């Protein structure tokens, strides 16, 4: 039985150099350093949770 995909939906999106630089700078503040894809998911999830578009999993988030 194959392993289920963690992120089965793929999207192709564009970034300018300044945005990618900002993501890379954010990544370097984390331990361990996330991949670019994981960093973008984390940044987006945090923003969406703060704005009320995604439910928070627990009070610590």
C-alpha atoms as a PDB file:
ATOM      1  CA  UNK A   1       0.000   0.000   0.000  1.00  0.00           C
ATOM      2  CA  UNK A   2       1.547   3.362  -0.976  1.00  0.00           C
ATOM      3  CA  UNK A   3       2.144   6.041   1.617  1.00  0.00           C
ATOM      4  CA  UNK A   4      -0.477   8.843   1.510  1.00  0.00           C
ATOM      5  CA  UNK A   5       0.809  12.209   0.313  1.00  0.00           C
ATOM      6  CA  UNK A   6       1.104  14.834   3.020  1.00  0.00           C
ATOM      7  CA  UNK A   7       0.338  17.639   0.537  1.00  0.00           C
ATOM      8  CA  UNK A   8      -1.576  16.090  -2.387  1.00  0.00           C
ATOM      9  CA  UNK A   9      -2.599  19.374  -4.050  1.00  0.00           C
ATOM     10  CA  UNK A  10       0.153  21.154  -5.982  1.00  0.00           C
ATOM     11  CA  UNK A  11       0.015  24.770  -7.215  1.00  0.00           C
ATOM     12  CA  UNK A  12       2.502  26.660  -9.342  1.00  0.00           C
ATOM     13  CA  UNK A  13       2.877  30.268  -8.199  1.00  0.00           C
ATOM     14  CA  UNK A  14       5.306  33.044  -9.016  1.00  0.00           C
ATOM     15  CA  UNK A  15       7.449  35.138  -6.688  1.00  0.00           C
ATOM     16  CA  UNK A  16       9.632  38.169  -7.246  1.00  0.00           C
ATOM     17  CA  UNK A  17      13.192  38.298  -5.923  1.00  0.00           C
ATOM     18  CA  UNK A  18      12.282  40.505  -2.950  1.00  0.00           C
ATOM     19  CA  UNK A  19       9.600  38.098  -1.745  1.00  0.00           C
ATOM     20  CA  UNK A  20      11.897  35.076  -2.052  1.00  0.00           C
ATOM     21  CA  UNK A  21      14.616  36.966  -0.185  1.00  0.00           C
ATOM     22  CA  UNK A  22      12.134  37.732   2.609  1.00  0.00           C
ATOM     23  CA  UNK A  23      11.124  34.048   2.797  1.00  0.00           C
ATOM     24  CA  UNK A  24      14.787  33.001   2.957  1.00  0.00           C
ATOM     25  CA  UNK A  25      15.469  35.512   5.732  1.00  0.00           C
ATOM     26  CA  UNK A  26      12.438  34.217   7.674  1.00  0.00           C
ATOM     27  CA  UNK A  27      13.587  30.606   7.181  1.00  0.00           C
ATOM     28  CA  UNK A  28      16.985  31.355   8.728  1.00  0.00           C
ATOM     29  CA  UNK A  29      15.303  32.453  11.965  1.00  0.00           C
ATOM     30  CA  UNK A  30      13.828  28.964  12.477  1.00  0.00           C
ATOM     31  CA  UNK A  31      15.437  25.850  13.926  1.00  0.00           C
ATOM     32  CA  UNK A  32      15.630  23.554  12.123  1.00  0.00           C
ATOM     33  CA  UNK A  33      15.576  25.629   8.925  1.00  0.00           C
ATOM     34  CA  UNK A  34      12.461  24.617   6.946  1.00  0.00           C
ATOM     35  CA  UNK A  35      12.481  24.019   3.212  1.00  0.00           C
ATOM     36  CA  UNK A  36      11.260  26.905   1.083  1.00  0.00           C
ATOM     37  CA  UNK A  37       7.964  25.064   0.520  1.00  0.00           C
ATOM     38  CA  UNK A  38       7.464  24.431   4.233  1.00  0.00           C
ATOM     39  CA  UNK A  39       8.368  28.025   5.059  1.00  0.00           C
ATOM     40  CA  UNK A  40       5.787  29.358   2.620  1.00  0.00           C
ATOM     41  CA  UNK A  41       3.140  26.974   4.043  1.00  0.00           C
ATOM     42  CA  UNK A  42       3.971  28.060   7.620  1.00  0.00           C
ATOM     43  CA  UNK A  43       3.890  31.780   6.793  1.00  0.00           C
ATOM     44  CA  UNK A  44       0.616  31.427   4.896  1.00  0.00           C
ATOM     45  CA  UNK A  45      -1.019  29.264   7.597  1.00  0.00           C
ATOM     46  CA  UNK A  46      -0.011  31.717  10.333  1.00  0.00           C
ATOM     47  CA  UNK A  47      -1.479  34.650   8.420  1.00  0.00           C
ATOM     48  CA  UNK A  48      -4.707  32.813   7.579  1.00  0.00           C
ATOM     49  CA  UNK A  49      -5.154  31.750  11.219  1.00  0.00           C
ATOM     50  CA  UNK A  50      -4.572  35.312  12.447  1.00  0.00           C
ATOM     51  CA  UNK A  51      -7.201  36.601  10.027  1.00  0.00           C
ATOM     52  CA  UNK A  52      -9.692  33.902  11.045  1.00  0.00           C
ATOM     53  CA  UNK A  53      -9.727  31.991   7.749  1.00  0.00           C
ATOM     54  CA  UNK A  54      -8.254  28.812   9.250  1.00  0.00           C
ATOM     55  CA  UNK A  55      -9.142  27.279  12.592  1.00  0.00           C
ATOM     56  CA  UNK A  56      -6.387  27.226  15.201  1.00  0.00           C
ATOM     57  CA  UNK A  57      -5.503  23.706  16.315  1.00  0.00           C
ATOM     58  CA  UNK A  58      -4.902  24.625  19.931  1.00  0.00           C
ATOM     59  CA  UNK A  59      -4.428  27.651  22.178  1.00  0.00           C
ATOM     60  CA  UNK A  60      -0.618  27.432  21.920  1.00  0.00           C
ATOM     61  CA  UNK A  61      -0.614  28.348  18.220  1.00  0.00           C
END
